[in-house]
Amino acid sequence: MTGDTSALQLVLTGDPGLYAIVWLSLLVSLSAVACAAVIGVPLGALIALTRFPGREAIIVVLNALMGLPPVVAGLAIYLLLSRSGPLGSWGLLFTPAAMIIAQTVLVTPIIAALTRQTVEDLWLEYRDELAALDVGPIGRIATLIWDARFSLVTALLAGFGRAAAEVGAIMVVGGNINNFTRTMTTSIALETSKGDLPLAIGLGIILIMIIVMINALAWTARRAGERYAG
């Protein structure tokens, strides 16, 4: 009970250490989702509207990558960014930038796969109209992405939920360095192992609140899309 009370005090009094961790977590996750959206949305739409040899295999791989184990992604990024790796000269290992890269790798397949399915469904619905208007490939992609914007917001929120709750990859490439690369999830794991339950519980409360807000926003986006379609 004392731990719960102390955790609430940390949250309600705006403990600087706790909210610094929260801010870094949000910065890393939001940056990763933005990067993943720039890559994943056009890629998913392109796959949806293009027919080429090996397309089905690419779709299978893309869907499989949605379940990519975080520690495997973290290991791959670690090998790339380590001193002996091909990108070691960049000096990004054990920095927030490396964490953003790792989360982008994890989130991009989710956004791309969901975008591909959404745009492909819309293409089947509007194919005749777009063909009659003689809309080119780029115009088709832009039109369908815009029409699917509410569903794509849900895809982005799903990606953010994956990024915000991720611990394995960012632990590997970030190093969980205090006041530099320590996020909510890595802090919860560390503080629980140390027995500092108030901080772990406080961060857990905030993380749950964020996840609930994400789901509320996703539900709102779906409802808005249904009203727009209706």
Protein backbone atom coordinates (compact mmCIF):
# COMPACT_ATOMS: atom_id res chain seq x y z
CA MET A 1 0.00 0.00 0.00
CA THR A 2 2.88 2.33 0.83
CA GLY A 3 4.42 1.64 -2.56
CA ASP A 4 1.16 2.50 -4.30
CA THR A 5 0.85 5.74 -2.34
CA SER A 6 4.44 6.73 -3.10
CA ALA A 7 3.86 5.96 -6.78
CA LEU A 8 0.80 8.20 -6.90
CA GLN A 9 2.77 10.95 -5.16
CA LEU A 10 5.47 10.72 -7.82
CA VAL A 11 2.87 11.00 -10.57
CA LEU A 12 0.75 13.75 -9.00
CA THR A 13 3.61 15.92 -7.76
CA GLY A 14 5.32 15.92 -11.14
CA ASP A 15 8.54 14.22 -10.09
CA PRO A 16 11.24 15.58 -12.48
CA GLY A 17 13.03 12.25 -12.83
CA LEU A 18 9.83 10.38 -13.63
CA TYR A 19 8.58 12.87 -16.19
CA ALA A 20 12.00 13.14 -17.85
CA ILE A 21 11.74 9.42 -18.53
CA VAL A 22 8.18 9.84 -19.83
CA TRP A 23 9.22 12.70 -22.11
CA LEU A 24 12.11 10.71 -23.60
CA SER A 25 9.82 7.72 -24.16
CA LEU A 26 7.26 9.84 -25.99
CA LEU A 27 9.93 11.59 -28.04
CA VAL A 28 11.48 8.32 -29.17
CA SER A 29 8.17 6.58 -29.90
CA LEU A 30 6.58 9.53 -31.72
CA SER A 31 9.72 10.07 -33.80
CA ALA A 32 9.81 6.38 -34.71
CA VAL A 33 6.13 6.38 -35.72
CA ALA A 34 6.65 9.49 -37.85
CA CYS A 35 9.59 7.86 -39.65
CA ALA A 36 7.68 4.60 -40.03
CA ALA A 37 4.66 6.45 -41.45
CA VAL A 38 6.80 8.21 -44.07
CA ILE A 39 8.12 4.81 -45.17
CA GLY A 40 5.21 2.48 -44.44
CA VAL A 41 2.18 4.37 -45.78
CA PRO A 42 3.51 4.92 -49.34
CA LEU A 43 5.06 1.44 -49.37
CA GLY A 44 1.81 -0.23 -48.31
CA ALA A 45 -0.20 1.76 -50.86
CA LEU A 46 2.30 0.97 -53.61
CA ILE A 47 2.12 -2.76 -52.90
CA ALA A 48 -1.69 -2.59 -52.81
CA LEU A 49 -1.98 -0.91 -56.22
CA THR A 50 0.86 -2.62 -58.08
CA ARG A 51 0.99 -6.09 -59.58
CA PHE A 52 4.47 -7.57 -60.06
CA PRO A 53 6.22 -10.96 -59.77
CA GLY A 54 6.78 -11.93 -56.16
CA ARG A 55 4.11 -9.60 -54.81
CA GLU A 56 2.41 -12.32 -52.77
CA ALA A 57 5.74 -13.33 -51.24
CA ILE A 58 6.42 -9.73 -50.25
CA ILE A 59 2.98 -9.50 -48.62
CA VAL A 60 3.66 -12.68 -46.65
CA VAL A 61 7.04 -11.37 -45.50
CA LEU A 62 5.54 -7.99 -44.60
CA ASN A 63 2.83 -9.63 -42.51
CA ALA A 64 5.42 -11.87 -40.86
CA LEU A 65 7.54 -8.85 -39.94
CA MET A 66 4.62 -7.47 -37.94
CA GLY A 67 5.58 -10.07 -35.34
CA LEU A 68 9.32 -9.46 -35.57
CA PRO A 69 10.85 -10.18 -32.12
CA PRO A 70 12.12 -6.87 -30.70
CA VAL A 71 15.39 -8.33 -29.43
CA VAL A 72 16.16 -9.65 -32.93
CA ALA A 73 15.56 -6.20 -34.41
CA GLY A 74 17.68 -4.70 -31.63
CA LEU A 75 20.50 -7.14 -32.33
CA ALA A 76 20.45 -6.35 -36.05
CA ILE A 77 20.60 -2.59 -35.39
CA TYR A 78 23.31 -3.15 -32.78
CA LEU A 79 25.48 -5.00 -35.31
CA LEU A 80 24.97 -2.22 -37.85
CA LEU A 81 25.81 0.59 -35.41
CA SER A 82 28.57 -1.07 -33.39
CA ARG A 83 32.17 0.09 -33.84
CA SER A 84 32.92 -2.86 -36.11
CA GLY A 85 29.64 -2.50 -38.02
CA PRO A 86 29.13 -0.75 -41.37
CA LEU A 87 27.54 2.30 -39.69
CA GLY A 88 29.78 2.35 -36.64
CA SER A 89 31.44 5.60 -37.74
CA TRP A 90 28.15 7.41 -37.19
CA GLY A 91 28.48 7.00 -33.43
CA LEU A 92 24.78 6.37 -32.90
CA LEU A 93 24.94 3.28 -30.67
CA PHE A 94 23.60 3.86 -27.15
CA THR A 95 21.87 7.09 -28.15
CA PRO A 96 18.19 8.04 -28.54
CA ALA A 97 18.76 8.06 -32.31
CA ALA A 98 19.61 4.35 -32.24
CA MET A 99 16.43 3.71 -30.25
CA ILE A 100 14.38 5.59 -32.85
CA ILE A 101 15.94 3.52 -35.63
CA ALA A 102 15.17 0.27 -33.80
CA GLN A 103 11.55 1.24 -33.15
CA THR A 104 11.15 2.41 -36.74
CA VAL A 105 12.24 -1.05 -37.91
CA LEU A 106 9.60 -2.62 -35.65
CA VAL A 107 6.75 -0.24 -36.48
CA THR A 108 7.19 0.15 -40.26
CA PRO A 109 5.92 -3.38 -41.14
CA ILE A 110 2.81 -2.82 -39.00
CA ILE A 111 1.93 0.45 -40.69
CA ALA A 112 2.82 -0.85 -44.17
CA ALA A 113 0.79 -4.06 -43.79
CA LEU A 114 -2.29 -2.28 -42.42
CA THR A 115 -2.02 0.40 -45.10
CA ARG A 116 -1.72 -2.25 -47.81
CA GLN A 117 -4.88 -4.01 -46.67
CA THR A 118 -6.86 -0.78 -46.26
CA VAL A 119 -5.85 0.70 -49.62
CA GLU A 120 -6.38 -2.61 -51.43
CA ASP A 121 -9.95 -2.83 -50.07
CA LEU A 122 -10.64 0.75 -51.20
CA TRP A 123 -9.12 0.04 -54.63
CA LEU A 124 -11.59 -2.78 -55.19
CA GLU A 125 -14.39 -0.37 -54.31
CA TYR A 126 -13.25 2.65 -56.37
CA ARG A 127 -11.29 0.99 -59.18
CA ASP A 128 -13.91 1.61 -61.86
CA GLU A 129 -14.43 5.25 -60.89
CA LEU A 130 -10.70 6.04 -60.83
CA ALA A 131 -10.19 4.23 -64.13
CA ALA A 132 -13.05 6.18 -65.71
CA LEU A 133 -11.49 9.45 -64.54
CA ASP A 134 -8.13 8.31 -65.99
CA VAL A 135 -6.32 8.91 -62.71
CA GLY A 136 -2.62 8.01 -62.89
CA PRO A 137 -0.74 5.74 -60.46
CA ILE A 138 0.47 8.56 -58.19
CA GLY A 139 -2.97 10.13 -58.21
CA ARG A 140 -4.55 6.82 -57.27
CA ILE A 141 -2.18 6.39 -54.34
CA ALA A 142 -2.78 9.94 -53.12
CA THR A 143 -6.56 9.68 -53.55
CA LEU A 144 -6.90 6.37 -51.75
CA ILE A 145 -4.56 7.38 -48.92
CA TRP A 146 -6.63 10.51 -48.37
CA ASP A 147 -9.88 8.57 -48.46
CA ALA A 148 -8.46 6.04 -45.99
CA ARG A 149 -7.04 8.68 -43.65
CA PHE A 150 -9.21 7.71 -40.67
CA SER A 151 -8.28 4.05 -40.98
CA LEU A 152 -4.64 5.01 -41.43
CA VAL A 153 -4.75 7.04 -38.21
CA THR A 154 -5.75 3.80 -36.50
CA ALA A 155 -2.76 2.08 -38.12
CA LEU A 156 -0.43 4.83 -36.87
CA LEU A 157 -1.87 4.53 -33.36
CA ALA A 158 -1.35 0.77 -33.48
CA GLY A 159 2.26 1.42 -34.42
CA PHE A 160 2.65 3.90 -31.58
CA GLY A 161 1.20 1.38 -29.15
CA ARG A 162 3.82 -1.16 -30.26
CA ALA A 163 6.61 1.40 -29.92
CA ALA A 164 5.51 2.75 -26.54
CA ALA A 165 5.32 -0.72 -24.98
CA GLU A 166 8.56 -2.03 -26.52
CA VAL A 167 11.52 -2.84 -24.28
CA GLY A 168 13.83 -5.44 -25.87
CA ALA A 169 15.19 -3.56 -28.90
CA ILE A 170 15.73 -0.23 -27.17
CA MET A 171 17.42 -1.97 -24.25
CA VAL A 172 19.93 -3.52 -26.67
CA VAL A 173 20.71 -0.42 -28.75
CA GLY A 174 20.09 2.23 -26.11
CA GLY A 175 21.89 0.66 -23.19
CA ASN A 176 19.33 1.95 -20.64
CA ILE A 177 21.66 4.80 -19.63
CA ASN A 178 20.31 6.94 -16.79
CA ASN A 179 19.17 10.42 -17.87
CA PHE A 180 20.01 9.66 -21.50
CA THR A 181 18.42 6.52 -22.98
CA ARG A 182 16.23 5.26 -20.16
CA THR A 183 12.57 4.98 -21.19
CA MET A 184 9.43 3.99 -19.32
CA THR A 185 9.58 0.32 -20.22
CA THR A 186 13.29 -0.11 -19.57
CA SER A 187 12.97 1.83 -16.32
CA ILE A 188 10.11 -0.37 -15.14
CA ALA A 189 12.19 -3.48 -15.80
CA LEU A 190 15.26 -2.03 -14.06
CA GLU A 191 13.50 -0.51 -11.05
CA THR A 192 11.47 -3.67 -10.45
CA SER A 193 14.67 -5.75 -10.42
CA LYS A 194 16.19 -3.23 -7.97
CA GLY A 195 13.12 -3.30 -5.74
CA ASP A 196 12.29 0.40 -6.30
CA LEU A 197 8.59 -0.31 -6.74
CA PRO A 198 7.20 3.25 -6.33
CA LEU A 199 9.01 4.52 -9.44
CA ALA A 200 8.18 1.35 -11.38
CA ILE A 201 4.51 1.55 -10.40
CA GLY A 202 4.36 5.27 -11.18
CA LEU A 203 5.78 4.71 -14.65
CA GLY A 204 3.43 1.76 -15.10
CA ILE A 205 0.44 3.96 -14.26
CA ILE A 206 1.48 6.55 -16.82
CA LEU A 207 2.17 3.90 -19.46
CA ILE A 208 -1.26 2.36 -18.94
CA MET A 209 -2.86 5.82 -19.21
CA ILE A 210 -1.04 6.39 -22.50
CA ILE A 211 -2.16 3.01 -23.87
CA VAL A 212 -5.77 3.74 -22.86
CA MET A 213 -5.58 7.12 -24.60
CA ILE A 214 -4.21 5.45 -27.73
CA ASN A 215 -7.11 3.00 -27.81
CA ALA A 216 -9.59 5.83 -27.21
CA LEU A 217 -8.11 7.79 -30.10
CA ALA A 218 -8.20 4.70 -32.33
CA TRP A 219 -11.86 4.13 -31.46
CA THR A 220 -12.63 7.80 -32.17
CA ALA A 221 -10.85 7.59 -35.52
CA ARG A 222 -12.82 4.47 -36.49
CA ARG A 223 -16.09 6.14 -35.53
CA ALA A 224 -15.17 9.25 -37.50
CA GLY A 225 -14.35 7.09 -40.51
CA GLU A 226 -17.68 5.27 -40.24
CA ARG A 227 -19.58 8.57 -40.08
CA TYR A 228 -17.60 9.91 -43.03
CA ALA A 229 -18.25 6.78 -45.08
CA GLY A 230 -21.92 6.89 -44.14
